[in-house]
Amino acid sequence: MNLTPECIPCFLRQAVAVSRLVGADGAKQERVVKRILALLSEVPFDQTPPQVATVIHSAIREELGMADPYREAKERSNILALGLCPQLRELITGSSDPFATAVRLAIAGNIIDFGQGCGVDGAKVRAAIAWALEQPLPPDVLEPFRSAVGQAESILYLGDNAGEVVFDRLLIELLPRGKVTFAVRGGPILNDATTVDAEVAGIHELAAIVDNGSNAPGTILLWCSPRFQERFHRADLIIAKGQGNYETLSAVNAPIHFLLEVKCPVIANHLGCDQGTLVLRRAGSRA
């Protein structure tokens, strides 16, 4: 899906938020914002938001003089999620349908996202968990997903954010052992997960971890490594987490199931649902 004018304020919020996150003074914040305004005045609207975000955040890192300005925030997110993990695992094992509960929690973990220009605290994550556990997953989307998992010989799980990967681990624990590969970004961008975040979550104990060779906040296949592209095209099932993966893969013909929380009106409009909705959707499906 392509960039829309409604996306522009989000990029500006991100520029301001990350500048404040790292304690940049007023002069440096001003330089960052002016640099981003100049870039935004020339962006082509036939690109996806993650393509534009890659350019924007490269400029932000350059202006701040930091290779990974979200590193400490990602570490805090990982610690927060790991602290919740025992309780969440109990919720899964004690439920009448552990798989459905794990799917709900994996989607709830998508709330840990600094891409909307604001931080995430424990209260917000706990509220997202409580909300997710109350939401129905229609059988016409849950059961095809359950069936696809059971039939797949190779599952490629596309991760999204640090902290969120702990929630992904809880779902991966219920997927067929030895058949899952977990993919992360190839370099720092926003609070997106990299290999170190997946390892902190313990995913390496359950699945192979690969990076996609790109630091875009999504999966832009042409920007990914040949090794990753081969894995993608050979996978029987692709589980794609988050808005960035949806924005970059929604038009790709592949066996993808998207899991995300809708955080902006642009995605809500594209999916035909309300902002805040928890989504489990097959590629090419309107249901």
Protein backbone atom coordinates (compact mmCIF):
# COMPACT_ATOMS: atom_id res chain seq x y z
CA MET A 1 0.00 0.00 0.00
CA ASN A 2 1.30 3.44 -0.93
CA LEU A 3 2.03 6.51 1.13
CA THR A 4 -0.87 8.88 1.77
CA PRO A 5 -0.86 12.49 3.03
CA GLU A 6 -2.16 11.25 6.39
CA CYS A 7 1.19 9.48 6.93
CA ILE A 8 3.22 12.70 6.91
CA PRO A 9 2.38 13.90 10.46
CA CYS A 10 3.39 10.49 11.80
CA PHE A 11 6.92 10.88 10.44
CA LEU A 12 7.20 14.30 12.06
CA ARG A 13 5.98 12.92 15.39
CA GLN A 14 8.59 10.21 15.17
CA ALA A 15 11.34 12.76 14.52
CA VAL A 16 10.34 14.81 17.55
CA ALA A 17 9.79 11.78 19.78
CA VAL A 18 13.13 10.12 19.08
CA SER A 19 14.98 13.43 19.53
CA ARG A 20 13.41 13.80 22.96
CA LEU A 21 13.94 10.12 23.74
CA VAL A 22 17.70 10.51 23.50
CA GLY A 23 17.76 13.88 25.28
CA ALA A 24 18.64 16.04 22.28
CA ASP A 25 18.71 19.75 23.09
CA GLY A 26 16.41 22.26 21.43
CA ALA A 27 18.87 23.19 18.71
CA LYS A 28 19.42 19.58 17.69
CA GLN A 29 15.68 18.86 17.74
CA GLU A 30 15.18 21.83 15.43
CA ARG A 31 17.83 20.52 13.02
CA VAL A 32 16.23 17.08 12.97
CA VAL A 33 12.74 18.46 12.27
CA LYS A 34 13.96 20.80 9.52
CA ARG A 35 15.89 17.95 7.87
CA ILE A 36 12.80 15.72 7.92
CA LEU A 37 10.55 18.51 6.62
CA ALA A 38 12.91 18.96 3.68
CA LEU A 39 12.90 15.24 2.91
CA LEU A 40 9.13 14.97 3.23
CA SER A 41 8.63 17.78 0.74
CA GLU A 42 10.14 15.56 -1.95
CA VAL A 43 8.99 12.04 -1.11
CA PRO A 44 7.25 10.16 -3.95
CA PHE A 45 3.78 9.02 -2.99
CA ASP A 46 4.09 5.81 -4.98
CA GLN A 47 6.29 4.35 -2.24
CA THR A 48 5.12 2.44 0.83
CA PRO A 49 5.33 4.15 4.24
CA PRO A 50 8.16 1.79 5.34
CA GLN A 51 10.21 2.78 2.28
CA VAL A 52 9.87 6.44 3.22
CA ALA A 53 10.47 5.69 6.90
CA THR A 54 13.78 4.03 6.05
CA VAL A 55 15.04 7.25 4.46
CA ILE A 56 13.58 9.43 7.21
CA HIS A 57 15.16 7.46 10.04
CA SER A 58 18.51 7.24 8.29
CA ALA A 59 18.52 11.05 8.31
CA ILE A 60 17.41 11.15 11.96
CA ARG A 61 20.24 8.81 13.01
CA GLU A 62 22.70 10.93 11.07
CA GLU A 63 21.54 14.17 12.67
CA LEU A 64 21.58 12.64 16.16
CA GLY A 65 24.94 10.95 15.59
CA MET A 66 23.55 7.62 16.89
CA ALA A 67 23.45 4.27 15.10
CA ASP A 68 20.53 2.99 17.18
CA PRO A 69 18.74 5.74 19.14
CA TYR A 70 16.01 3.30 20.25
CA ARG A 71 18.45 0.76 21.78
CA GLU A 72 17.69 1.59 25.42
CA ALA A 73 13.96 1.78 24.72
CA LYS A 74 14.11 -1.66 23.10
CA GLU A 75 15.93 -3.07 26.10
CA ARG A 76 13.26 -1.68 28.42
CA SER A 77 10.53 -3.20 26.23
CA ASN A 78 12.23 -6.60 26.35
CA ILE A 79 12.51 -6.44 30.15
CA LEU A 80 8.87 -5.40 30.48
CA ALA A 81 7.63 -8.23 28.27
CA LEU A 82 9.85 -10.85 29.89
CA GLY A 83 8.46 -9.84 33.27
CA LEU A 84 4.95 -10.57 32.00
CA CYS A 85 5.90 -13.85 30.34
CA PRO A 86 5.20 -16.28 33.24
CA GLN A 87 1.73 -14.80 33.77
CA LEU A 88 0.96 -14.91 30.05
CA ARG A 89 2.10 -18.51 29.75
CA GLU A 90 -0.26 -19.42 32.59
CA LEU A 91 -3.11 -17.70 30.76
CA ILE A 92 -2.36 -19.77 27.67
CA THR A 93 -2.00 -23.14 29.38
CA GLY A 94 -5.09 -22.53 31.53
CA SER A 95 -7.37 -21.50 28.66
CA SER A 96 -9.87 -23.73 26.89
CA ASP A 97 -8.09 -23.05 23.56
CA PRO A 98 -4.38 -22.38 24.18
CA PHE A 99 -3.66 -21.77 20.48
CA ALA A 100 -6.36 -19.11 20.14
CA THR A 101 -5.21 -17.43 23.35
CA ALA A 102 -1.59 -17.41 22.17
CA VAL A 103 -2.70 -15.83 18.87
CA ARG A 104 -4.61 -13.11 20.75
CA LEU A 105 -1.60 -12.39 22.95
CA ALA A 106 0.77 -12.31 19.97
CA ILE A 107 -1.45 -9.67 18.39
CA ALA A 108 -1.71 -7.79 21.70
CA GLY A 109 2.10 -7.61 21.83
CA ASN A 110 1.97 -5.48 18.69
CA ILE A 111 1.03 -2.55 20.96
CA ILE A 112 4.74 -2.25 21.86
CA ASP A 113 5.47 0.14 19.03
CA PHE A 114 7.33 3.44 19.06
CA GLY A 115 6.45 4.07 15.42
CA GLN A 116 3.43 6.13 16.42
CA GLY A 117 5.73 8.61 18.16
CA CYS A 118 5.03 7.68 21.78
CA GLY A 119 6.34 5.30 24.39
CA VAL A 120 4.70 2.23 25.85
CA ASP A 121 4.47 1.49 29.55
CA GLY A 122 3.38 -1.50 31.58
CA ALA A 123 -0.15 -0.20 32.13
CA LYS A 124 -0.72 0.21 28.40
CA VAL A 125 0.59 -3.28 27.65
CA ARG A 126 -1.53 -4.86 30.38
CA ALA A 127 -4.60 -3.04 29.07
CA ALA A 128 -3.84 -4.36 25.57
CA ILE A 129 -3.58 -7.89 26.95
CA ALA A 130 -6.91 -7.61 28.79
CA TRP A 131 -8.57 -6.19 25.68
CA ALA A 132 -7.13 -8.91 23.42
CA LEU A 133 -8.35 -11.71 25.65
CA GLU A 134 -11.90 -10.39 25.38
CA GLN A 135 -11.92 -10.13 21.60
CA PRO A 136 -13.44 -12.92 19.51
CA LEU A 137 -11.42 -14.48 16.74
CA PRO A 138 -13.98 -15.45 14.07
CA PRO A 139 -13.78 -19.17 13.22
CA ASP A 140 -13.58 -18.33 9.52
CA VAL A 141 -10.15 -16.73 10.09
CA LEU A 142 -8.86 -18.63 13.13
CA GLU A 143 -9.57 -22.13 11.84
CA PRO A 144 -7.89 -21.65 8.42
CA PHE A 145 -4.87 -20.27 10.27
CA ARG A 146 -4.84 -23.23 12.67
CA SER A 147 -5.13 -25.59 9.71
CA ALA A 148 -2.34 -23.83 7.80
CA VAL A 149 -0.06 -24.17 10.83
CA GLY A 150 -0.82 -27.87 11.11
CA GLN A 151 -0.18 -28.56 7.43
CA ALA A 152 2.94 -26.44 6.94
CA GLU A 153 6.34 -28.09 6.66
CA SER A 154 8.12 -24.72 6.77
CA ILE A 155 6.86 -21.64 8.62
CA LEU A 156 8.48 -18.23 8.25
CA TYR A 157 7.52 -15.94 11.13
CA LEU A 158 8.20 -12.26 10.40
CA GLY A 159 8.77 -10.42 13.67
CA ASP A 160 8.11 -6.76 14.27
CA ASN A 161 9.15 -4.98 17.48
CA ALA A 162 11.41 -5.52 20.45
CA GLY A 163 9.39 -6.61 23.48
CA GLU A 164 6.69 -7.86 21.14
CA VAL A 165 9.01 -10.75 20.25
CA VAL A 166 8.45 -12.17 23.75
CA PHE A 167 4.74 -12.47 22.91
CA ASP A 168 5.74 -14.08 19.61
CA ARG A 169 7.75 -16.67 21.52
CA LEU A 170 4.61 -17.73 23.38
CA LEU A 171 2.88 -18.46 20.07
CA ILE A 172 5.97 -20.14 18.62
CA GLU A 173 5.95 -22.51 21.60
CA LEU A 174 2.70 -23.91 20.16
CA LEU A 175 3.91 -24.15 16.56
CA PRO A 176 5.47 -27.36 15.17
CA ARG A 177 9.00 -27.67 16.57
CA GLY A 178 11.76 -27.65 13.98
CA LYS A 179 9.61 -26.10 11.26
CA VAL A 180 9.79 -22.41 12.23
CA THR A 181 12.24 -19.74 11.13
CA PHE A 182 11.96 -16.37 12.85
CA ALA A 183 12.96 -13.32 10.80
CA VAL A 184 14.10 -9.96 12.17
CA ARG A 185 15.37 -6.72 10.63
CA GLY A 186 18.88 -6.63 9.24
CA GLY A 187 19.74 -3.41 11.08
CA PRO A 188 18.35 -0.88 13.57
CA ILE A 189 15.21 1.04 12.62
CA LEU A 190 12.72 2.46 15.13
CA ASN A 191 12.17 -0.13 17.89
CA ASP A 192 11.99 -3.01 15.40
CA ALA A 193 13.52 -6.26 16.60
CA THR A 194 16.96 -7.36 15.51
CA THR A 195 18.73 -10.66 16.23
CA VAL A 196 19.77 -9.60 19.73
CA ASP A 197 16.15 -8.89 20.70
CA ALA A 198 14.96 -12.27 19.42
CA GLU A 199 17.73 -13.98 21.36
CA VAL A 200 16.88 -12.07 24.55
CA ALA A 201 13.31 -13.36 24.12
CA GLY A 202 14.67 -16.91 23.89
CA ILE A 203 13.39 -17.54 20.40
CA HIS A 204 16.66 -19.20 19.44
CA GLU A 205 15.69 -22.05 21.78
CA LEU A 206 12.65 -22.80 19.60
CA ALA A 207 13.40 -21.66 16.06
CA ALA A 208 16.16 -20.62 13.72
CA ILE A 209 16.67 -16.84 13.66
CA VAL A 210 17.57 -15.04 10.44
CA ASP A 211 17.75 -11.38 9.54
CA ASN A 212 16.19 -10.21 6.31
CA GLY A 213 19.21 -8.18 5.20
CA SER A 214 17.33 -4.87 5.31
CA ASN A 215 16.73 -2.20 7.93
CA ALA A 216 13.37 -1.12 6.52
CA PRO A 217 10.54 -1.17 9.10
CA GLY A 218 8.71 -3.82 7.11
CA THR A 219 9.55 -6.51 4.56
CA ILE A 220 10.41 -4.92 1.23
CA LEU A 221 11.39 -8.05 -0.66
CA LEU A 222 13.53 -6.27 -3.26
CA TRP A 223 15.60 -4.78 -0.44
CA CYS A 224 16.03 -8.09 1.38
CA SER A 225 18.98 -10.45 1.00
CA PRO A 226 18.83 -13.23 -1.63
CA ARG A 227 19.04 -15.79 1.20
CA PHE A 228 15.99 -14.32 2.89
CA GLN A 229 14.07 -14.01 -0.38
CA GLU A 230 14.67 -17.71 -1.02
CA ARG A 231 13.31 -18.60 2.44
CA PHE A 232 10.30 -16.36 1.87
CA HIS A 233 9.35 -17.91 -1.46
CA ARG A 234 9.86 -21.48 -0.23
CA ALA A 235 7.81 -21.12 2.98
CA ASP A 236 4.54 -23.03 3.21
CA LEU A 237 3.19 -20.47 5.67
CA ILE A 238 4.27 -16.91 6.45
CA ILE A 239 3.14 -15.27 9.68
CA ALA A 240 3.62 -11.51 9.34
CA LYS A 241 3.41 -9.34 12.44
CA GLY A 242 2.61 -5.64 12.55
CA GLN A 243 1.61 -2.75 10.33
CA GLY A 244 4.98 -2.41 8.59
CA ASN A 245 4.84 -5.99 7.32
CA TYR A 246 1.23 -5.48 6.26
CA GLU A 247 2.06 -2.24 4.41
CA THR A 248 4.87 -3.91 2.47
CA LEU A 249 3.36 -7.37 1.85
CA SER A 250 -0.40 -6.86 1.53
CA ALA A 251 -0.17 -6.96 -2.28
CA VAL A 252 2.28 -9.89 -2.44
CA ASN A 253 0.95 -13.22 -3.68
CA ALA A 254 2.14 -15.56 -0.94
CA PRO A 255 0.66 -17.78 1.82
CA ILE A 256 0.67 -14.97 4.40
CA HIS A 257 -1.41 -14.57 7.54
CA PHE A 258 -1.16 -11.06 8.99
CA LEU A 259 -1.36 -10.51 12.76
CA LEU A 260 -1.50 -6.89 13.90
CA GLU A 261 -3.23 -4.21 15.86
CA VAL A 262 -4.57 -1.38 13.70
CA LYS A 263 -2.92 1.78 15.02
CA CYS A 264 -3.66 4.40 12.38
CA PRO A 265 -6.63 5.51 10.25
CA VAL A 266 -4.80 4.75 6.99
CA ILE A 267 -4.45 1.05 7.86
CA ALA A 268 -7.98 0.99 9.30
CA ASN A 269 -9.36 2.31 6.03
CA HIS A 270 -7.32 -0.14 3.97
CA LEU A 271 -8.47 -3.10 6.07
CA GLY A 272 -12.04 -1.84 6.39
CA CYS A 273 -12.07 -1.91 10.19
CA ASP A 274 -11.85 0.41 13.17
CA GLN A 275 -8.64 1.78 14.62
CA GLY A 276 -7.62 -0.40 17.57
CA THR A 277 -8.95 -3.60 16.00
CA LEU A 278 -6.97 -6.81 16.50
CA VAL A 279 -6.47 -8.38 13.08
CA LEU A 280 -5.82 -11.93 11.95
CA ARG A 281 -6.21 -11.98 8.20
CA ARG A 282 -5.11 -14.08 5.27
CA ALA A 283 -3.41 -12.33 2.35
CA GLY A 284 -5.97 -11.45 -0.27
CA SER A 285 -8.88 -11.83 2.14
CA ARG A 286 -11.32 -9.08 3.10
CA ALA A 287 -12.43 -11.01 6.18
